[in-house]
């Protein structure tokens, strides 16, 4: 049996639209694949622990990461030698997130918290650095991403297989169409 570990983005949750779409598709089309989507905290050190626990418990697991989850998936894929599909992944979030300091609210749960400089700084040790196995990362980008500049990811993952769609948005509005190809990439 295969396992997919889905890592959601900043201020998102396991109830995100893409997570639900993927879980529904897998239950209909590939019930042989286990789907895990932990609620990853804001605290990057805790997120790293959660990811490590899951990947150690499921040695066959590969990853899907969206936005900040893509940053985490890049780190985890390198550390555990796994495949990952990255959807509009965040690049160097430890530089960008200072703009979000202060009160935040989770889009799905409504939970409020304060994003601190210490929390942002915890992201930097999870930078994967140079990609030793870029062919194990498939990057899906939409040029209309209103949150992240897709060109940063296009440059960061230039040696990886990549799909760049014109238009779209940060949520990657054609995600559902790509689920079969995502599953194929991760399981072959």
N, C-alpha and C. Protein backbone atom coordinates (compact mmCIF):
# COMPACT_ATOMS: atom_id res chain seq x y z
N UNK A 1 0.83 -1.18 0.00
CA UNK A 1 0.00 0.00 0.00
C UNK A 1 0.87 1.24 0.00
N UNK A 2 0.44 2.28 -0.67
CA UNK A 2 1.13 3.56 -0.71
C UNK A 2 0.46 4.53 0.25
N UNK A 3 1.22 5.55 0.61
CA UNK A 3 0.71 6.59 1.50
C UNK A 3 1.07 7.94 0.93
N UNK A 4 0.12 8.87 0.98
CA UNK A 4 0.38 10.26 0.61
C UNK A 4 0.20 11.11 1.85
N UNK A 5 1.22 11.89 2.15
CA UNK A 5 1.17 12.84 3.26
C UNK A 5 0.97 14.22 2.66
N UNK A 6 -0.18 14.83 2.94
CA UNK A 6 -0.52 16.14 2.38
C UNK A 6 -0.26 17.21 3.44
N UNK A 7 0.55 18.20 3.08
CA UNK A 7 0.89 19.30 3.98
C UNK A 7 0.23 20.59 3.48
N UNK A 8 -0.69 21.09 4.28
CA UNK A 8 -1.44 22.29 3.90
C UNK A 8 -0.60 23.55 4.10
N UNK A 9 -1.13 24.66 3.67
CA UNK A 9 -0.41 25.93 3.73
C UNK A 9 -0.66 26.73 5.00
N UNK A 10 -0.08 27.91 5.00
CA UNK A 10 -0.16 28.86 6.11
C UNK A 10 -1.61 29.26 6.36
N UNK A 11 -2.02 29.22 7.60
CA UNK A 11 -3.39 29.57 8.02
C UNK A 11 -4.45 28.69 7.37
N UNK A 12 -4.06 27.51 6.95
CA UNK A 12 -5.01 26.56 6.37
C UNK A 12 -5.19 25.40 7.33
N UNK A 13 -5.77 24.31 6.85
CA UNK A 13 -6.03 23.18 7.73
C UNK A 13 -6.30 21.93 6.89
N UNK A 14 -6.45 20.78 7.53
CA UNK A 14 -6.81 19.57 6.80
C UNK A 14 -8.18 19.66 6.13
N UNK A 15 -8.95 20.69 6.43
CA UNK A 15 -10.25 20.87 5.79
C UNK A 15 -10.17 21.76 4.54
N UNK A 16 -8.97 22.03 4.07
CA UNK A 16 -8.83 22.89 2.89
C UNK A 16 -9.49 22.25 1.67
N UNK A 17 -9.82 23.06 0.71
CA UNK A 17 -10.51 22.60 -0.50
C UNK A 17 -9.68 21.54 -1.23
N UNK A 18 -8.39 21.79 -1.44
CA UNK A 18 -7.54 20.84 -2.16
C UNK A 18 -7.42 19.52 -1.39
N UNK A 19 -7.29 19.61 -0.09
CA UNK A 19 -7.19 18.40 0.72
C UNK A 19 -8.44 17.55 0.55
N UNK A 20 -9.60 18.19 0.64
CA UNK A 20 -10.86 17.46 0.51
C UNK A 20 -11.01 16.86 -0.89
N UNK A 21 -10.63 17.62 -1.92
CA UNK A 21 -10.71 17.10 -3.28
C UNK A 21 -9.84 15.86 -3.45
N UNK A 22 -8.63 15.92 -2.93
CA UNK A 22 -7.71 14.80 -3.09
C UNK A 22 -8.21 13.59 -2.30
N UNK A 23 -8.67 13.81 -1.10
CA UNK A 23 -9.16 12.71 -0.27
C UNK A 23 -10.37 12.04 -0.93
N UNK A 24 -11.28 12.83 -1.49
CA UNK A 24 -12.45 12.27 -2.18
C UNK A 24 -12.03 11.47 -3.41
N UNK A 25 -11.09 12.03 -4.20
CA UNK A 25 -10.63 11.34 -5.41
C UNK A 25 -9.99 10.00 -5.04
N UNK A 26 -9.13 10.01 -4.04
CA UNK A 26 -8.46 8.77 -3.63
C UNK A 26 -9.46 7.74 -3.13
N UNK A 27 -10.45 8.16 -2.36
CA UNK A 27 -11.40 7.18 -1.84
C UNK A 27 -12.22 6.55 -2.97
N UNK A 28 -12.48 7.31 -4.03
CA UNK A 28 -13.24 6.79 -5.18
C UNK A 28 -12.37 5.95 -6.11
N UNK A 29 -11.16 6.41 -6.37
CA UNK A 29 -10.33 5.84 -7.44
C UNK A 29 -9.14 5.01 -6.97
N UNK A 30 -8.62 5.30 -5.81
CA UNK A 30 -7.43 4.59 -5.32
C UNK A 30 -7.56 4.30 -3.81
N UNK A 31 -8.54 3.50 -3.44
CA UNK A 31 -8.71 3.21 -2.01
C UNK A 31 -7.53 2.45 -1.41
N UNK A 32 -6.63 1.96 -2.25
CA UNK A 32 -5.43 1.28 -1.77
C UNK A 32 -4.38 2.25 -1.23
N UNK A 33 -4.59 3.55 -1.44
CA UNK A 33 -3.63 4.56 -0.99
C UNK A 33 -4.14 5.20 0.30
N UNK A 34 -3.31 5.19 1.32
CA UNK A 34 -3.64 5.88 2.58
C UNK A 34 -3.37 7.37 2.39
N UNK A 35 -4.24 8.18 2.94
CA UNK A 35 -4.11 9.64 2.82
C UNK A 35 -4.04 10.24 4.21
N UNK A 36 -2.93 10.90 4.49
CA UNK A 36 -2.72 11.53 5.79
C UNK A 36 -2.59 13.03 5.59
N UNK A 37 -3.28 13.78 6.41
CA UNK A 37 -3.17 15.23 6.33
C UNK A 37 -3.19 15.81 7.74
N UNK A 38 -2.02 15.86 8.36
CA UNK A 38 -1.97 16.37 9.73
C UNK A 38 -2.28 17.85 9.79
N UNK A 39 -2.80 18.26 10.93
CA UNK A 39 -3.02 19.69 11.18
C UNK A 39 -1.68 20.24 11.64
N UNK A 40 -0.98 20.89 10.73
CA UNK A 40 0.36 21.35 11.07
C UNK A 40 0.28 22.73 11.71
N UNK A 41 0.92 22.81 12.83
CA UNK A 41 0.89 24.01 13.65
C UNK A 41 1.64 25.16 12.99
N UNK A 42 1.54 26.30 13.61
CA UNK A 42 2.26 27.47 13.12
C UNK A 42 3.73 27.37 13.49
N UNK A 43 4.04 26.71 14.59
CA UNK A 43 5.39 26.58 15.10
C UNK A 43 6.18 25.62 14.21
N UNK A 44 7.17 26.13 13.47
CA UNK A 44 7.89 25.33 12.48
C UNK A 44 8.63 24.14 13.10
N UNK A 45 9.17 24.30 14.29
CA UNK A 45 9.88 23.19 14.93
C UNK A 45 8.90 22.06 15.21
N UNK A 46 7.70 22.39 15.65
CA UNK A 46 6.68 21.36 15.90
C UNK A 46 6.23 20.72 14.60
N UNK A 47 6.11 21.53 13.53
CA UNK A 47 5.73 20.99 12.22
C UNK A 47 6.76 19.96 11.77
N UNK A 48 8.03 20.29 11.92
CA UNK A 48 9.10 19.36 11.53
C UNK A 48 8.97 18.05 12.30
N UNK A 49 8.66 18.13 13.59
CA UNK A 49 8.48 16.91 14.39
C UNK A 49 7.30 16.09 13.88
N UNK A 50 6.20 16.75 13.57
CA UNK A 50 5.00 16.06 13.07
C UNK A 50 5.31 15.35 11.75
N UNK A 51 5.99 16.06 10.84
CA UNK A 51 6.34 15.46 9.55
C UNK A 51 7.26 14.26 9.75
N UNK A 52 8.26 14.42 10.60
CA UNK A 52 9.20 13.31 10.86
C UNK A 52 8.47 12.11 11.44
N UNK A 53 7.57 12.34 12.38
CA UNK A 53 6.81 11.24 12.98
C UNK A 53 6.02 10.48 11.91
N UNK A 54 5.37 11.21 11.02
CA UNK A 54 4.58 10.57 9.97
C UNK A 54 5.46 9.80 8.98
N UNK A 55 6.56 10.41 8.56
CA UNK A 55 7.40 9.76 7.56
C UNK A 55 8.16 8.58 8.14
N UNK A 56 8.47 8.62 9.42
CA UNK A 56 9.10 7.46 10.05
C UNK A 56 8.09 6.33 10.23
N UNK A 57 6.84 6.69 10.53
CA UNK A 57 5.80 5.68 10.73
C UNK A 57 5.33 5.07 9.40
N UNK A 58 5.46 5.83 8.31
CA UNK A 58 5.02 5.37 6.99
C UNK A 58 6.18 5.48 6.00
N UNK A 59 7.05 4.47 5.98
CA UNK A 59 8.24 4.55 5.12
C UNK A 59 7.93 4.56 3.63
N UNK A 60 6.68 4.26 3.24
CA UNK A 60 6.30 4.31 1.83
C UNK A 60 5.66 5.65 1.44
N UNK A 61 5.58 6.56 2.38
CA UNK A 61 4.85 7.82 2.13
C UNK A 61 5.65 8.77 1.25
N UNK A 62 4.93 9.39 0.31
CA UNK A 62 5.43 10.52 -0.44
C UNK A 62 4.56 11.72 -0.09
N UNK A 63 4.93 12.90 -0.58
CA UNK A 63 4.33 14.13 -0.08
C UNK A 63 3.65 14.97 -1.16
N UNK A 64 2.65 15.70 -0.73
CA UNK A 64 2.08 16.80 -1.49
C UNK A 64 2.11 17.99 -0.55
N UNK A 65 2.59 19.12 -1.03
CA UNK A 65 2.63 20.32 -0.19
C UNK A 65 2.15 21.52 -0.97
N UNK A 66 1.28 22.29 -0.34
CA UNK A 66 0.73 23.48 -0.96
C UNK A 66 1.21 24.72 -0.22
N UNK A 67 1.74 25.69 -0.96
CA UNK A 67 2.19 26.96 -0.39
C UNK A 67 3.26 26.71 0.68
N UNK A 68 3.01 27.09 1.94
CA UNK A 68 4.01 26.83 2.98
C UNK A 68 4.22 25.33 3.14
N UNK A 69 3.17 24.55 2.91
CA UNK A 69 3.32 23.09 2.92
C UNK A 69 4.30 22.61 1.87
N UNK A 70 4.42 23.35 0.75
CA UNK A 70 5.39 23.02 -0.28
C UNK A 70 6.82 23.25 0.19
N UNK A 71 7.01 24.29 0.98
CA UNK A 71 8.33 24.54 1.58
C UNK A 71 8.69 23.38 2.51
N UNK A 72 7.74 23.00 3.38
CA UNK A 72 7.97 21.88 4.28
C UNK A 72 8.20 20.58 3.51
N UNK A 73 7.42 20.35 2.46
CA UNK A 73 7.56 19.12 1.68
C UNK A 73 8.92 19.06 0.99
N UNK A 74 9.45 20.19 0.56
CA UNK A 74 10.78 20.22 -0.05
C UNK A 74 11.83 19.75 0.95
N UNK A 75 11.75 20.29 2.16
CA UNK A 75 12.67 19.89 3.24
C UNK A 75 12.53 18.40 3.55
N UNK A 76 11.29 17.93 3.71
CA UNK A 76 11.05 16.54 4.08
C UNK A 76 11.47 15.58 2.98
N UNK A 77 11.21 15.94 1.72
CA UNK A 77 11.60 15.08 0.60
C UNK A 77 13.12 14.92 0.57
N UNK A 78 13.85 15.99 0.82
CA UNK A 78 15.31 15.92 0.84
C UNK A 78 15.80 15.10 2.03
N UNK A 79 15.25 15.34 3.19
CA UNK A 79 15.70 14.65 4.40
C UNK A 79 15.40 13.16 4.38
N UNK A 80 14.24 12.78 3.85
CA UNK A 80 13.80 11.38 3.88
C UNK A 80 13.89 10.69 2.52
N UNK A 81 14.45 11.37 1.52
CA UNK A 81 14.58 10.82 0.17
C UNK A 81 13.23 10.34 -0.37
N UNK A 82 12.26 11.23 -0.37
CA UNK A 82 10.92 10.92 -0.85
C UNK A 82 10.60 11.78 -2.05
N UNK A 83 9.54 11.42 -2.75
CA UNK A 83 9.02 12.25 -3.83
C UNK A 83 8.05 13.27 -3.23
N UNK A 84 7.88 14.39 -3.95
CA UNK A 84 6.91 15.39 -3.50
C UNK A 84 6.35 16.13 -4.71
N UNK A 85 5.08 16.47 -4.60
CA UNK A 85 4.43 17.37 -5.54
C UNK A 85 4.20 18.68 -4.79
N UNK A 86 4.67 19.76 -5.37
CA UNK A 86 4.61 21.07 -4.74
C UNK A 86 3.65 21.97 -5.52
N UNK A 87 2.65 22.50 -4.84
CA UNK A 87 1.63 23.31 -5.48
C UNK A 87 1.81 24.76 -5.04
N UNK A 88 2.16 25.63 -5.98
CA UNK A 88 2.45 27.03 -5.66
C UNK A 88 3.25 27.12 -4.36
N UNK A 89 4.43 26.47 -4.32
CA UNK A 89 5.18 26.40 -3.05
C UNK A 89 5.78 27.74 -2.63
N UNK A 90 5.82 27.95 -1.33
CA UNK A 90 6.49 29.12 -0.77
C UNK A 90 8.00 28.93 -0.91
N UNK A 91 8.67 29.98 -1.30
CA UNK A 91 10.13 29.99 -1.42
C UNK A 91 10.66 31.01 -0.41
N UNK A 92 11.59 30.60 0.42
CA UNK A 92 12.18 31.43 1.47
C UNK A 92 11.11 32.14 2.33
N UNK A 93 10.16 31.40 2.90
CA UNK A 93 9.12 32.05 3.70
C UNK A 93 9.68 32.77 4.92
N UNK A 94 10.84 32.35 5.39
CA UNK A 94 11.49 33.01 6.52
C UNK A 94 11.89 34.44 6.19
N UNK A 95 11.94 34.81 4.91
CA UNK A 95 12.18 36.20 4.51
C UNK A 95 10.86 36.94 4.33
N UNK A 96 9.85 36.28 3.79
CA UNK A 96 8.57 36.92 3.46
C UNK A 96 7.64 37.13 4.65
N UNK A 97 7.67 36.21 5.60
CA UNK A 97 6.64 36.18 6.63
C UNK A 97 6.75 37.29 7.66
N UNK A 98 7.84 38.05 7.65
CA UNK A 98 7.91 39.18 8.57
C UNK A 98 6.81 40.19 8.27
N UNK A 99 6.33 40.20 7.04
CA UNK A 99 5.23 41.09 6.65
C UNK A 99 3.91 40.68 7.31
N UNK A 100 3.83 39.46 7.84
CA UNK A 100 2.60 38.95 8.44
C UNK A 100 2.64 38.93 9.97
N UNK A 101 3.67 39.53 10.56
CA UNK A 101 3.78 39.53 12.02
C UNK A 101 2.54 40.13 12.65
N UNK A 102 2.17 39.58 13.79
CA UNK A 102 1.01 40.08 14.51
C UNK A 102 -0.12 39.06 14.49
N UNK A 103 -1.33 39.53 14.74
CA UNK A 103 -2.47 38.62 14.85
C UNK A 103 -2.82 38.00 13.51
N UNK A 104 -3.03 36.69 13.55
CA UNK A 104 -3.42 35.90 12.39
C UNK A 104 -4.67 35.10 12.75
N UNK A 105 -5.36 34.62 11.72
CA UNK A 105 -6.52 33.77 11.96
C UNK A 105 -6.55 32.67 10.91
N UNK A 106 -6.73 31.43 11.38
CA UNK A 106 -6.83 30.29 10.49
C UNK A 106 -8.10 30.42 9.66
N UNK A 107 -7.97 30.21 8.33
CA UNK A 107 -9.10 30.37 7.41
C UNK A 107 -10.23 29.40 7.68
N UNK A 108 -9.91 28.22 8.18
CA UNK A 108 -10.91 27.16 8.34
C UNK A 108 -11.44 27.03 9.76
N UNK A 109 -10.52 27.12 10.73
CA UNK A 109 -10.92 26.89 12.12
C UNK A 109 -11.33 28.16 12.84
N UNK A 110 -10.90 29.31 12.31
CA UNK A 110 -11.16 30.58 12.98
C UNK A 110 -10.24 30.85 14.14
N UNK A 111 -9.35 29.89 14.44
CA UNK A 111 -8.42 30.06 15.56
C UNK A 111 -7.53 31.27 15.32
N UNK A 112 -7.37 32.08 16.37
CA UNK A 112 -6.50 33.26 16.29
C UNK A 112 -5.21 32.99 17.07
N UNK A 113 -4.14 33.59 16.59
CA UNK A 113 -2.85 33.48 17.26
C UNK A 113 -2.01 34.67 16.82
N UNK A 114 -0.87 34.85 17.46
CA UNK A 114 0.04 35.94 17.12
C UNK A 114 1.29 35.34 16.48
N UNK A 115 1.59 35.77 15.26
CA UNK A 115 2.81 35.34 14.57
C UNK A 115 3.95 36.23 15.04
N UNK A 116 4.98 35.61 15.61
CA UNK A 116 6.10 36.35 16.19
C UNK A 116 7.36 36.22 15.33
N UNK A 117 8.33 37.07 15.58
CA UNK A 117 9.60 36.98 14.85
C UNK A 117 10.29 35.65 15.14
N UNK A 118 10.13 35.13 16.35
CA UNK A 118 10.74 33.84 16.69
C UNK A 118 10.12 32.72 15.85
N UNK A 119 8.81 32.79 15.65
CA UNK A 119 8.14 31.77 14.85
C UNK A 119 8.61 31.81 13.40
N UNK A 120 8.80 33.00 12.87
CA UNK A 120 9.27 33.13 11.49
C UNK A 120 10.71 32.61 11.39
N UNK A 121 11.54 32.94 12.37
CA UNK A 121 12.94 32.51 12.36
C UNK A 121 13.07 30.98 12.41
N UNK A 122 12.09 30.30 12.99
CA UNK A 122 12.13 28.83 13.06
C UNK A 122 12.03 28.18 11.69
N UNK A 123 11.60 28.92 10.68
CA UNK A 123 11.48 28.36 9.34
C UNK A 123 12.84 28.16 8.67
N UNK A 124 13.78 29.04 8.94
CA UNK A 124 15.06 29.02 8.21
C UNK A 124 15.82 27.70 8.33
N UNK A 125 15.87 27.05 9.51
CA UNK A 125 16.59 25.77 9.57
C UNK A 125 15.96 24.67 8.69
N UNK A 126 14.73 24.89 8.22
CA UNK A 126 14.08 23.90 7.37
C UNK A 126 14.30 24.17 5.87
N UNK A 127 15.15 25.12 5.57
CA UNK A 127 15.50 25.40 4.17
C UNK A 127 16.29 24.20 3.65
N UNK A 128 15.82 23.61 2.56
CA UNK A 128 16.46 22.41 2.02
C UNK A 128 17.78 22.70 1.32
N UNK A 129 18.04 23.95 0.98
CA UNK A 129 19.28 24.27 0.28
C UNK A 129 19.25 23.77 -1.16
N UNK A 130 20.43 23.51 -1.72
CA UNK A 130 20.51 23.02 -3.10
C UNK A 130 19.80 21.68 -3.19
N UNK A 131 19.06 21.49 -4.26
CA UNK A 131 18.25 20.29 -4.42
C UNK A 131 19.10 19.16 -5.02
N UNK A 132 19.40 18.16 -4.20
CA UNK A 132 20.23 17.05 -4.64
C UNK A 132 19.49 16.13 -5.61
N UNK A 133 18.17 16.03 -5.47
CA UNK A 133 17.36 15.14 -6.32
C UNK A 133 16.17 15.92 -6.89
N UNK A 134 16.41 16.92 -7.73
CA UNK A 134 15.32 17.76 -8.22
C UNK A 134 14.28 16.99 -9.02
N UNK A 135 14.66 15.85 -9.60
CA UNK A 135 13.72 15.06 -10.40
C UNK A 135 12.65 14.40 -9.53
N UNK A 136 12.85 14.38 -8.22
CA UNK A 136 11.87 13.79 -7.30
C UNK A 136 10.82 14.80 -6.82
N UNK A 137 10.91 16.01 -7.35
CA UNK A 137 9.95 17.07 -7.02
C UNK A 137 9.23 17.50 -8.29
N UNK A 138 7.90 17.43 -8.28
CA UNK A 138 7.11 17.94 -9.40
C UNK A 138 6.41 19.20 -8.92
N UNK A 139 6.62 20.28 -9.65
CA UNK A 139 6.16 21.60 -9.21
C UNK A 139 5.02 22.06 -10.11
N UNK A 140 3.90 22.42 -9.48
CA UNK A 140 2.73 22.94 -10.20
C UNK A 140 2.55 24.40 -9.81
N UNK A 141 2.60 25.27 -10.81
CA UNK A 141 2.51 26.70 -10.57
C UNK A 141 1.42 27.32 -11.43
N UNK A 142 0.80 28.36 -10.90
CA UNK A 142 -0.10 29.19 -11.71
C UNK A 142 0.41 30.62 -11.66
N UNK A 143 0.54 31.23 -12.84
CA UNK A 143 1.13 32.57 -12.93
C UNK A 143 0.26 33.63 -12.28
N UNK A 144 -1.03 33.36 -12.09
CA UNK A 144 -1.93 34.33 -11.47
C UNK A 144 -1.95 34.27 -9.96
N UNK A 145 -1.01 33.54 -9.34
CA UNK A 145 -0.95 33.44 -7.88
C UNK A 145 -0.86 34.84 -7.29
N UNK A 146 -1.87 35.22 -6.53
CA UNK A 146 -1.94 36.56 -5.96
C UNK A 146 -1.19 36.68 -4.64
N UNK A 147 -0.72 35.56 -4.09
CA UNK A 147 -0.03 35.57 -2.80
C UNK A 147 1.48 35.45 -2.96
N UNK A 148 1.92 34.57 -3.84
CA UNK A 148 3.34 34.32 -4.06
C UNK A 148 3.69 34.57 -5.52
N UNK A 149 4.87 35.10 -5.76
CA UNK A 149 5.32 35.31 -7.13
C UNK A 149 5.80 33.97 -7.68
N UNK A 150 5.06 33.42 -8.63
CA UNK A 150 5.36 32.09 -9.17
C UNK A 150 6.77 32.02 -9.75
N UNK A 151 7.33 33.16 -10.16
CA UNK A 151 8.68 33.16 -10.75
C UNK A 151 9.75 32.76 -9.73
N UNK A 152 9.50 33.03 -8.44
CA UNK A 152 10.45 32.59 -7.40
C UNK A 152 10.54 31.07 -7.39
N UNK A 153 9.39 30.40 -7.44
CA UNK A 153 9.39 28.93 -7.44
C UNK A 153 9.92 28.39 -8.77
N UNK A 154 9.59 29.05 -9.86
CA UNK A 154 10.08 28.61 -11.17
C UNK A 154 11.61 28.61 -11.18
N UNK A 155 12.20 29.64 -10.56
CA UNK A 155 13.66 29.71 -10.49
C UNK A 155 14.22 28.69 -9.48
N UNK A 156 13.61 28.60 -8.31
CA UNK A 156 14.09 27.70 -7.25
C UNK A 156 14.09 26.24 -7.70
N UNK A 157 13.07 25.84 -8.44
CA UNK A 157 12.90 24.45 -8.85
C UNK A 157 13.16 24.26 -10.34
N UNK A 158 14.02 25.07 -10.91
CA UNK A 158 14.25 25.07 -12.36
C UNK A 158 14.68 23.70 -12.90
N UNK A 159 15.30 22.88 -12.08
CA UNK A 159 15.77 21.57 -12.54
C UNK A 159 14.77 20.45 -12.26
N UNK A 160 13.62 20.80 -11.73
CA UNK A 160 12.58 19.82 -11.42
C UNK A 160 11.54 19.79 -12.53
N UNK A 161 10.83 18.66 -12.69
CA UNK A 161 9.69 18.67 -13.61
C UNK A 161 8.70 19.74 -13.13
N UNK A 162 8.11 20.44 -14.09
CA UNK A 162 7.29 21.59 -13.72
C UNK A 162 6.15 21.79 -14.70
N UNK A 163 5.03 22.20 -14.15
CA UNK A 163 3.88 22.61 -14.95
C UNK A 163 3.56 24.04 -14.54
N UNK A 164 3.59 24.95 -15.50
CA UNK A 164 3.23 26.35 -15.24
C UNK A 164 1.99 26.66 -16.07
N UNK A 165 0.91 26.97 -15.40
CA UNK A 165 -0.32 27.36 -16.08
C UNK A 165 -0.47 28.87 -16.01
N UNK A 166 -0.87 29.45 -17.13
CA UNK A 166 -1.13 30.89 -17.16
C UNK A 166 -2.42 31.17 -16.41
N UNK A 167 -2.43 32.29 -15.68
CA UNK A 167 -3.62 32.66 -14.92
C UNK A 167 -3.72 31.86 -13.64
N UNK A 168 -4.95 31.58 -13.23
CA UNK A 168 -5.16 30.83 -12.00
C UNK A 168 -5.03 31.71 -10.78
N UNK A 169 -4.70 31.07 -9.66
CA UNK A 169 -4.59 31.81 -8.39
C UNK A 169 -3.77 30.99 -7.39
N UNK A 170 -3.64 31.51 -6.18
CA UNK A 170 -2.83 30.83 -5.16
C UNK A 170 -3.43 29.48 -4.77
N UNK A 171 -4.74 29.36 -4.85
CA UNK A 171 -5.40 28.09 -4.51
C UNK A 171 -5.19 27.03 -5.58
N UNK A 172 -4.61 27.38 -6.71
CA UNK A 172 -4.40 26.51 -7.86
C UNK A 172 -5.74 25.94 -8.30
N UNK A 173 -6.50 26.79 -8.98
CA UNK A 173 -7.92 26.52 -9.26
C UNK A 173 -8.20 25.34 -10.19
N UNK A 174 -7.18 24.76 -10.80
CA UNK A 174 -7.40 23.56 -11.63
C UNK A 174 -6.85 22.30 -10.95
N UNK A 175 -6.63 22.38 -9.66
CA UNK A 175 -6.02 21.28 -8.92
C UNK A 175 -6.71 19.94 -9.19
N UNK A 176 -8.02 19.93 -9.15
CA UNK A 176 -8.76 18.67 -9.29
C UNK A 176 -8.42 17.94 -10.59
N UNK A 177 -8.16 18.68 -11.65
CA UNK A 177 -7.83 18.08 -12.94
C UNK A 177 -6.49 17.34 -12.91
N UNK A 178 -5.62 17.72 -11.99
CA UNK A 178 -4.27 17.18 -11.94
C UNK A 178 -4.10 16.05 -10.93
N UNK A 179 -5.13 15.75 -10.15
CA UNK A 179 -4.98 14.72 -9.12
C UNK A 179 -4.53 13.38 -9.69
N UNK A 180 -5.12 12.88 -10.79
CA UNK A 180 -4.63 11.59 -11.31
C UNK A 180 -3.13 11.61 -11.64
N UNK A 181 -2.66 12.70 -12.25
CA UNK A 181 -1.23 12.80 -12.59
C UNK A 181 -0.37 12.93 -11.32
N UNK A 182 -0.86 13.63 -10.33
CA UNK A 182 -0.14 13.77 -9.06
C UNK A 182 0.04 12.39 -8.42
N UNK A 183 -1.05 11.64 -8.35
CA UNK A 183 -0.99 10.29 -7.76
C UNK A 183 -0.05 9.39 -8.56
N UNK A 184 -0.12 9.47 -9.88
CA UNK A 184 0.77 8.68 -10.72
C UNK A 184 2.24 9.02 -10.44
N UNK A 185 2.56 10.30 -10.39
CA UNK A 185 3.93 10.72 -10.13
C UNK A 185 4.42 10.17 -8.79
N UNK A 186 3.58 10.26 -7.77
CA UNK A 186 4.00 9.85 -6.43
C UNK A 186 4.09 8.33 -6.26
N UNK A 187 3.35 7.57 -7.05
CA UNK A 187 3.30 6.13 -6.84
C UNK A 187 4.09 5.33 -7.87
N UNK A 188 4.74 5.99 -8.82
CA UNK A 188 5.54 5.28 -9.82
C UNK A 188 6.99 5.73 -9.81
